[in-house]
Amino acid sequence: MSGIRSVVRGIGSYLPERILSNADLACRVETSDDWIVQRTGIRQRHIAAEGEYTSHLALKAAERALADAGFAARDIDLIVLATATPDQTFPATAVTVQAELGITRGAAFDLQAVCSGFVFALATADAHLKTGAFQRALVIGAETFSRILDWEDRGTCVLFGDGAGAMIIEAVQVDDAKGAGLITHHLRSDGRHRSKLYVDGGPSTTGTAGHLRMEGREVFKHAVGMITDVIVDAFAATGESADSIAWFVPHQANRRIIDASAQKLGIAPEKVVITVDLHGNTSAASIPLALDVAVKDGRVKRGDLVLLEAMGGGFTWGSALIRW
């Protein structure tokens, strides 16, 4: 089937220099490396330096994606930045990145779907490209979750880290159904669960940034079913299956959730990209960070069918299927 498809041209990521290990955390809260690894699979996470903001992380990831694509910043006419930790209430962090890149045309805006943010941003950019209004989009997931953590709450502070990942997609006329590009995406939200994973502050309520709060067991209980729901929809829409995908790149929240989801879907363990041990949960940045690792180490190759999925606060969840 012919038509416009959003084709991936480049990818890049950035992690802050500071690494916080489980042993480091055990000096701050009552926890241990064994406790964290057994329950989450996380061994370390990166933490932004003082004065290092979400926009700084996003900019570095964007520059690396541009270099990977062989594009100049002036070639980009749309920026969609997924984040739950913007530099400021407004303007959007995306416009800061736009200005730092020297881009003076097109549009730039933030999108907030927490850990599902990158999938939502990718779907949003894809929709805009298909209208013909834009030609090339820079899609970014960037977070400094360390700024909204309660460092005395061992149930949450051990889970999250900071980082950014970016992808460049271009609108291309594709005449072959097996051609490269974003094939399908499926997005969901259910606000009835908003109190299970949230931040207890905001401009309109407390006038503060607040801290992340989570009912861990409730999130885990819903995660596997919601994740598999949108993946089954992706398979149904395309005729693809667990056997035909080359790589599964899930949101890196918890190793047990990732393993359970892959098992339920019949996805072979060797097809699953795992970086949660090294990065922790970087929210909207986790998928592009993991994907960049798999591209750079040679696992993901041109022509591969790559499945993305995420679930986040709201609840929000979504999937995307890409022919690399």
Protein backbone atom coordinates (compact mmCIF):
# COMPACT_ATOMS: atom_id res chain seq x y z
CA MET A 1 0.00 0.00 0.00
CA SER A 2 1.47 3.36 -1.03
CA GLY A 3 1.33 6.54 1.01
CA ILE A 4 3.26 8.88 3.29
CA ARG A 5 5.22 7.17 6.03
CA SER A 6 7.44 8.62 8.76
CA VAL A 7 10.88 7.08 8.20
CA VAL A 8 13.54 7.10 10.92
CA ARG A 9 16.62 9.02 9.77
CA GLY A 10 18.65 9.26 12.96
CA ILE A 11 18.73 8.58 16.69
CA GLY A 12 20.78 9.84 19.61
CA SER A 13 20.83 9.90 23.40
CA TYR A 14 22.49 11.51 26.37
CA LEU A 15 23.00 10.49 30.00
CA PRO A 16 24.30 12.79 32.75
CA GLU A 17 27.81 11.98 33.93
CA ARG A 18 26.92 11.26 37.55
CA ILE A 19 26.05 7.63 38.26
CA LEU A 20 24.13 6.73 41.43
CA SER A 21 24.53 3.06 42.30
CA ASN A 22 22.30 0.96 44.51
CA ALA A 23 25.10 0.93 47.09
CA ASP A 24 25.07 4.75 47.04
CA LEU A 25 21.34 4.75 47.67
CA ALA A 26 21.74 2.32 50.56
CA CYS A 27 23.70 5.08 52.31
CA ARG A 28 20.68 7.40 52.06
CA VAL A 29 17.64 5.18 52.65
CA GLU A 30 16.95 1.78 54.17
CA THR A 31 17.55 -0.44 51.15
CA SER A 32 20.18 -2.69 49.60
CA ASP A 33 21.50 -3.68 46.20
CA ASP A 34 19.88 -7.12 46.52
CA TRP A 35 16.50 -5.64 47.48
CA ILE A 36 16.47 -3.27 44.49
CA VAL A 37 17.78 -5.77 41.93
CA GLN A 38 15.39 -8.54 42.97
CA ARG A 39 12.33 -6.28 42.73
CA THR A 40 13.24 -4.09 39.76
CA GLY A 41 16.36 -5.27 37.94
CA ILE A 42 17.90 -1.82 38.44
CA ARG A 43 21.58 -1.59 39.42
CA GLN A 44 22.31 2.11 38.79
CA ARG A 45 20.87 5.31 37.37
CA HIS A 46 22.23 8.64 36.08
CA ILE A 47 21.50 11.90 37.92
CA ALA A 48 21.61 15.38 36.38
CA ALA A 49 24.18 17.75 37.82
CA GLU A 50 23.26 20.93 39.63
CA GLY A 51 22.33 23.47 36.94
CA GLU A 52 21.81 20.74 34.34
CA TYR A 53 18.20 20.95 33.13
CA THR A 54 15.89 18.83 31.01
CA SER A 55 16.56 21.15 28.06
CA HIS A 56 20.32 20.55 28.37
CA LEU A 57 19.84 16.78 28.23
CA ALA A 58 17.35 17.09 25.35
CA LEU A 59 19.67 19.37 23.37
CA LYS A 60 22.61 16.96 23.60
CA ALA A 61 20.45 14.02 22.54
CA ALA A 62 19.04 16.10 19.66
CA GLU A 63 22.51 17.09 18.45
CA ARG A 64 23.57 13.44 18.41
CA ALA A 65 20.44 12.44 16.50
CA LEU A 66 21.11 15.15 13.92
CA ALA A 67 24.69 13.93 13.52
CA ASP A 68 23.48 10.36 13.13
CA ALA A 69 21.00 11.43 10.45
CA GLY A 70 23.51 13.65 8.66
CA PHE A 71 21.08 16.58 8.91
CA ALA A 72 21.63 20.18 9.88
CA ALA A 73 19.35 21.77 12.45
CA ARG A 74 17.83 23.94 9.71
CA ASP A 75 16.45 20.76 8.10
CA ILE A 76 14.03 20.28 11.03
CA ASP A 77 10.65 22.01 10.97
CA LEU A 78 8.88 20.28 13.89
CA ILE A 79 10.00 19.46 17.43
CA VAL A 80 7.84 17.40 19.78
CA LEU A 81 9.40 17.00 23.21
CA ALA A 82 7.92 14.50 25.66
CA THR A 83 8.62 15.36 29.29
CA ALA A 84 6.99 15.40 32.71
CA THR A 85 9.84 17.50 34.11
CA PRO A 86 10.04 20.68 32.00
CA ASP A 87 12.53 23.42 32.75
CA GLN A 88 9.68 25.83 33.55
CA THR A 89 5.91 25.81 33.75
CA PHE A 90 6.10 27.70 30.46
CA PRO A 91 7.35 28.23 27.85
CA ALA A 92 7.66 24.68 26.54
CA THR A 93 11.10 23.12 26.95
CA ALA A 94 10.89 22.32 23.23
CA VAL A 95 11.21 25.97 22.30
CA THR A 96 14.39 26.25 24.37
CA VAL A 97 15.84 23.33 22.41
CA GLN A 98 14.61 24.92 19.18
CA ALA A 99 16.35 28.21 20.02
CA GLU A 100 19.59 26.52 21.09
CA LEU A 101 19.67 24.59 17.82
CA GLY A 102 19.19 27.85 15.91
CA ILE A 103 15.91 26.76 14.31
CA THR A 104 13.65 29.71 13.47
CA ARG A 105 10.91 28.04 11.45
CA GLY A 106 8.20 25.49 11.99
CA ALA A 107 6.77 24.56 15.39
CA ALA A 108 8.02 23.24 18.71
CA PHE A 109 5.95 22.08 21.66
CA ASP A 110 5.98 19.78 24.69
CA LEU A 111 3.80 16.74 25.22
CA GLN A 112 3.01 15.24 28.62
CA ALA A 113 2.05 11.57 28.93
CA VAL A 114 4.65 10.67 31.59
CA CYS A 115 6.40 7.37 30.83
CA SER A 116 4.33 6.88 27.66
CA GLY A 117 5.44 10.28 26.46
CA PHE A 118 7.84 9.21 23.73
CA VAL A 119 5.32 6.88 22.08
CA PHE A 120 2.66 9.61 22.26
CA ALA A 121 5.12 12.18 20.86
CA LEU A 122 6.14 9.86 18.03
CA ALA A 123 2.51 9.26 17.11
CA THR A 124 1.78 12.99 17.26
CA ALA A 125 4.73 13.91 15.06
CA ASP A 126 3.78 11.15 12.62
CA ALA A 127 0.26 12.53 12.32
CA HIS A 128 1.59 16.04 11.63
CA LEU A 129 4.02 14.80 8.99
CA LYS A 130 1.28 12.90 7.20
CA THR A 131 -0.76 16.09 6.79
CA GLY A 132 2.04 17.57 4.68
CA ALA A 133 2.37 20.54 7.00
CA PHE A 134 5.86 19.46 8.09
CA GLN A 135 8.65 17.48 6.45
CA ARG A 136 11.08 16.46 9.20
CA ALA A 137 10.44 16.09 12.93
CA LEU A 138 12.74 15.87 15.91
CA VAL A 139 11.01 13.71 18.54
CA ILE A 140 12.58 13.85 22.00
CA GLY A 141 12.00 12.19 25.35
CA ALA A 142 13.87 13.97 28.15
CA GLU A 143 13.53 13.88 31.92
CA THR A 144 15.14 15.03 35.15
CA PHE A 145 13.01 12.92 37.48
CA SER A 146 15.63 13.30 40.22
CA ARG A 147 14.15 16.78 40.79
CA ILE A 148 10.70 15.45 41.77
CA LEU A 149 11.73 12.44 43.87
CA ASP A 150 11.28 12.17 47.61
CA TRP A 151 14.72 10.84 48.51
CA GLU A 152 13.38 9.44 51.79
CA ASP A 153 10.81 7.25 50.04
CA ARG A 154 12.63 4.03 49.15
CA GLY A 155 9.62 2.79 47.18
CA THR A 156 10.15 5.47 44.52
CA CYS A 157 13.62 7.03 44.81
CA VAL A 158 15.34 3.76 43.84
CA LEU A 159 13.40 3.49 40.58
CA PHE A 160 14.05 6.63 38.57
CA GLY A 161 16.90 8.32 36.76
CA ASP A 162 17.62 11.16 34.35
CA GLY A 163 18.38 11.09 30.64
CA ALA A 164 17.26 11.97 27.13
CA GLY A 165 16.80 10.30 23.78
CA ALA A 166 15.92 11.76 20.39
CA MET A 167 14.78 10.48 17.02
CA ILE A 168 14.50 12.22 13.65
CA ILE A 169 11.70 11.13 11.33
CA GLU A 170 11.02 12.31 7.79
CA ALA A 171 7.86 12.15 5.68
CA VAL A 172 8.57 9.85 2.73
CA GLN A 173 6.38 8.51 -0.05
CA VAL A 174 6.42 4.73 0.35
CA ASP A 175 5.09 2.44 -2.37
CA ASP A 176 5.77 -0.86 -0.64
CA ALA A 177 3.86 -2.05 2.44
CA LYS A 178 7.13 -3.59 3.64
CA GLY A 179 8.96 -0.27 3.27
CA ALA A 180 10.69 1.55 6.10
CA GLY A 181 8.91 3.80 8.57
CA LEU A 182 6.33 4.00 11.33
CA ILE A 183 3.69 1.44 10.41
CA THR A 184 1.13 1.77 13.18
CA HIS A 185 0.65 3.22 16.65
CA HIS A 186 -2.00 2.67 19.31
CA LEU A 187 -2.55 5.04 22.24
CA ARG A 188 -4.72 4.69 25.35
CA SER A 189 -5.53 6.63 28.52
CA ASP A 190 -7.70 5.89 31.55
CA GLY A 191 -7.88 8.73 34.05
CA ARG A 192 -9.63 6.59 36.66
CA HIS A 193 -6.16 5.41 37.69
CA ARG A 194 -4.54 8.84 38.00
CA SER A 195 -4.12 8.58 41.81
CA LYS A 196 -2.01 5.42 41.51
CA LEU A 197 0.98 7.25 40.00
CA TYR A 198 1.15 11.03 40.29
CA VAL A 199 3.04 14.07 41.56
CA ASP A 200 1.56 15.76 44.63
CA GLY A 201 2.07 19.30 43.38
CA GLY A 202 1.49 21.66 40.50
CA PRO A 203 1.05 25.35 39.59
CA SER A 204 -2.75 25.28 39.93
CA THR A 205 -2.92 23.26 43.17
CA THR A 206 0.04 23.70 45.50
CA GLY A 207 2.14 26.18 43.56
CA THR A 208 5.09 23.80 43.92
CA ALA A 209 6.65 21.10 41.77
CA GLY A 210 5.74 18.41 44.31
CA HIS A 211 7.06 14.87 44.64
CA LEU A 212 6.32 11.64 42.81
CA ARG A 213 3.92 9.28 44.60
CA MET A 214 3.11 5.75 43.53
CA GLU A 215 1.04 2.75 44.57
CA GLY A 216 3.60 0.26 43.32
CA ARG A 217 1.51 -2.91 43.60
CA GLU A 218 -1.42 -1.30 41.79
CA VAL A 219 0.79 -0.08 38.96
CA PHE A 220 2.35 -3.52 38.57
CA LYS A 221 -1.08 -5.18 38.63
CA HIS A 222 -2.35 -3.11 35.71
CA ALA A 223 0.88 -2.83 33.70
CA VAL A 224 1.13 -6.20 31.99
CA GLY A 225 -2.50 -6.24 30.82
CA MET A 226 -2.38 -2.70 29.49
CA ILE A 227 0.94 -3.20 27.73
CA THR A 228 -0.18 -6.38 25.99
CA ASP A 229 -3.51 -4.77 25.00
CA VAL A 230 -1.92 -2.19 22.68
CA ILE A 231 0.58 -4.67 21.29
CA VAL A 232 -2.17 -7.12 20.37
CA ASP A 233 -3.89 -4.19 18.60
CA ALA A 234 -0.67 -3.44 16.68
CA PHE A 235 -0.39 -7.05 15.56
CA ALA A 236 -4.05 -7.13 14.54
CA ALA A 237 -3.70 -3.93 12.52
CA THR A 238 -0.66 -5.12 10.59
CA GLY A 239 -0.81 -8.89 10.45
CA GLU A 240 2.54 -9.05 12.24
CA SER A 241 3.24 -11.21 15.28
CA ALA A 242 5.67 -11.95 18.06
CA ASP A 243 7.51 -14.20 15.60
CA SER A 244 7.88 -11.57 12.87
CA ILE A 245 9.26 -8.72 14.98
CA ALA A 246 13.04 -8.51 15.24
CA TRP A 247 13.23 -6.42 18.42
CA PHE A 248 10.96 -5.49 21.32
CA VAL A 249 11.97 -2.21 22.98
CA PRO A 250 9.74 -1.72 26.01
CA HIS A 251 9.58 1.13 28.48
CA GLN A 252 12.34 0.44 30.99
CA ALA A 253 10.43 0.63 34.26
CA ASN A 254 10.82 -2.73 35.94
CA ARG A 255 12.49 -5.93 34.75
CA ARG A 256 9.68 -8.09 36.13
CA ILE A 257 7.06 -6.16 34.13
CA ILE A 258 9.16 -6.40 30.98
CA ASP A 259 9.70 -10.15 31.37
CA ALA A 260 6.06 -10.84 32.19
CA SER A 261 4.83 -8.81 29.21
CA ALA A 262 7.19 -10.51 26.76
CA GLN A 263 6.24 -13.94 28.09
CA LYS A 264 2.50 -13.22 27.81
CA LEU A 265 2.96 -12.06 24.21
CA GLY A 266 5.19 -14.96 23.26
CA ILE A 267 8.16 -12.70 22.47
CA ALA A 268 11.45 -14.57 22.77
CA PRO A 269 13.73 -13.21 25.55
CA GLU A 270 16.60 -12.73 23.09
CA LYS A 271 14.48 -10.21 21.16
CA VAL A 272 13.94 -7.94 24.18
CA VAL A 273 16.16 -4.86 24.60
CA ILE A 274 16.94 -4.29 28.29
CA THR A 275 18.68 -1.21 29.72
CA VAL A 276 16.74 -0.77 32.97
CA ASP A 277 19.71 -2.18 34.90
CA LEU A 278 21.94 0.68 33.73
CA HIS A 279 19.49 3.58 33.41
CA GLY A 280 16.64 2.93 35.83
CA ASN A 281 13.27 4.32 34.83
CA THR A 282 13.90 7.50 32.84
CA SER A 283 10.20 7.96 32.01
CA ALA A 284 9.72 9.49 28.53
CA ALA A 285 13.43 9.09 27.79
CA SER A 286 13.60 5.35 28.42
CA ILE A 287 12.50 4.02 25.02
CA PRO A 288 14.77 6.24 22.85
CA LEU A 289 17.66 5.62 25.26
CA ALA A 290 17.24 1.85 25.00
CA LEU A 291 16.68 1.99 21.27
CA ASP A 292 19.80 4.08 20.73
CA VAL A 293 21.86 1.54 22.67
CA ALA A 294 20.53 -1.28 20.47
CA VAL A 295 21.15 0.67 17.26
CA LYS A 296 24.66 1.72 18.21
CA ASP A 297 25.73 -1.78 19.28
CA GLY A 298 24.51 -3.20 15.97
CA ARG A 299 21.51 -5.19 17.13
CA VAL A 300 18.90 -3.07 15.34
CA LYS A 301 19.58 -2.99 11.61
CA ARG A 302 17.89 -1.48 8.57
CA GLY A 303 14.85 -3.51 7.62
CA ASP A 304 14.24 -4.82 11.15
CA LEU A 305 10.71 -4.71 12.53
CA VAL A 306 10.91 -2.95 15.91
CA LEU A 307 8.10 -2.89 18.47
CA LEU A 308 7.93 -0.10 21.07
CA GLU A 309 5.62 0.06 24.08
CA ALA A 310 5.18 2.11 27.24
CA MET A 311 2.88 2.72 30.18
CA GLY A 312 2.85 5.74 32.46
CA GLY A 313 0.92 7.81 34.95
CA GLY A 314 -2.63 8.68 34.07
CA PHE A 315 -2.72 5.84 33.27
CA THR A 316 -1.47 6.26 29.72
CA TRP A 317 -0.10 3.48 27.52
CA GLY A 318 0.76 2.93 23.89
CA SER A 319 2.62 0.97 21.25
CA ALA A 320 4.36 1.76 17.98
CA LEU A 321 5.59 -0.58 15.25
CA ILE A 322 8.48 0.62 13.09
CA ARG A 323 10.22 -0.86 10.08
CA TRP A 324 13.77 0.32 10.69
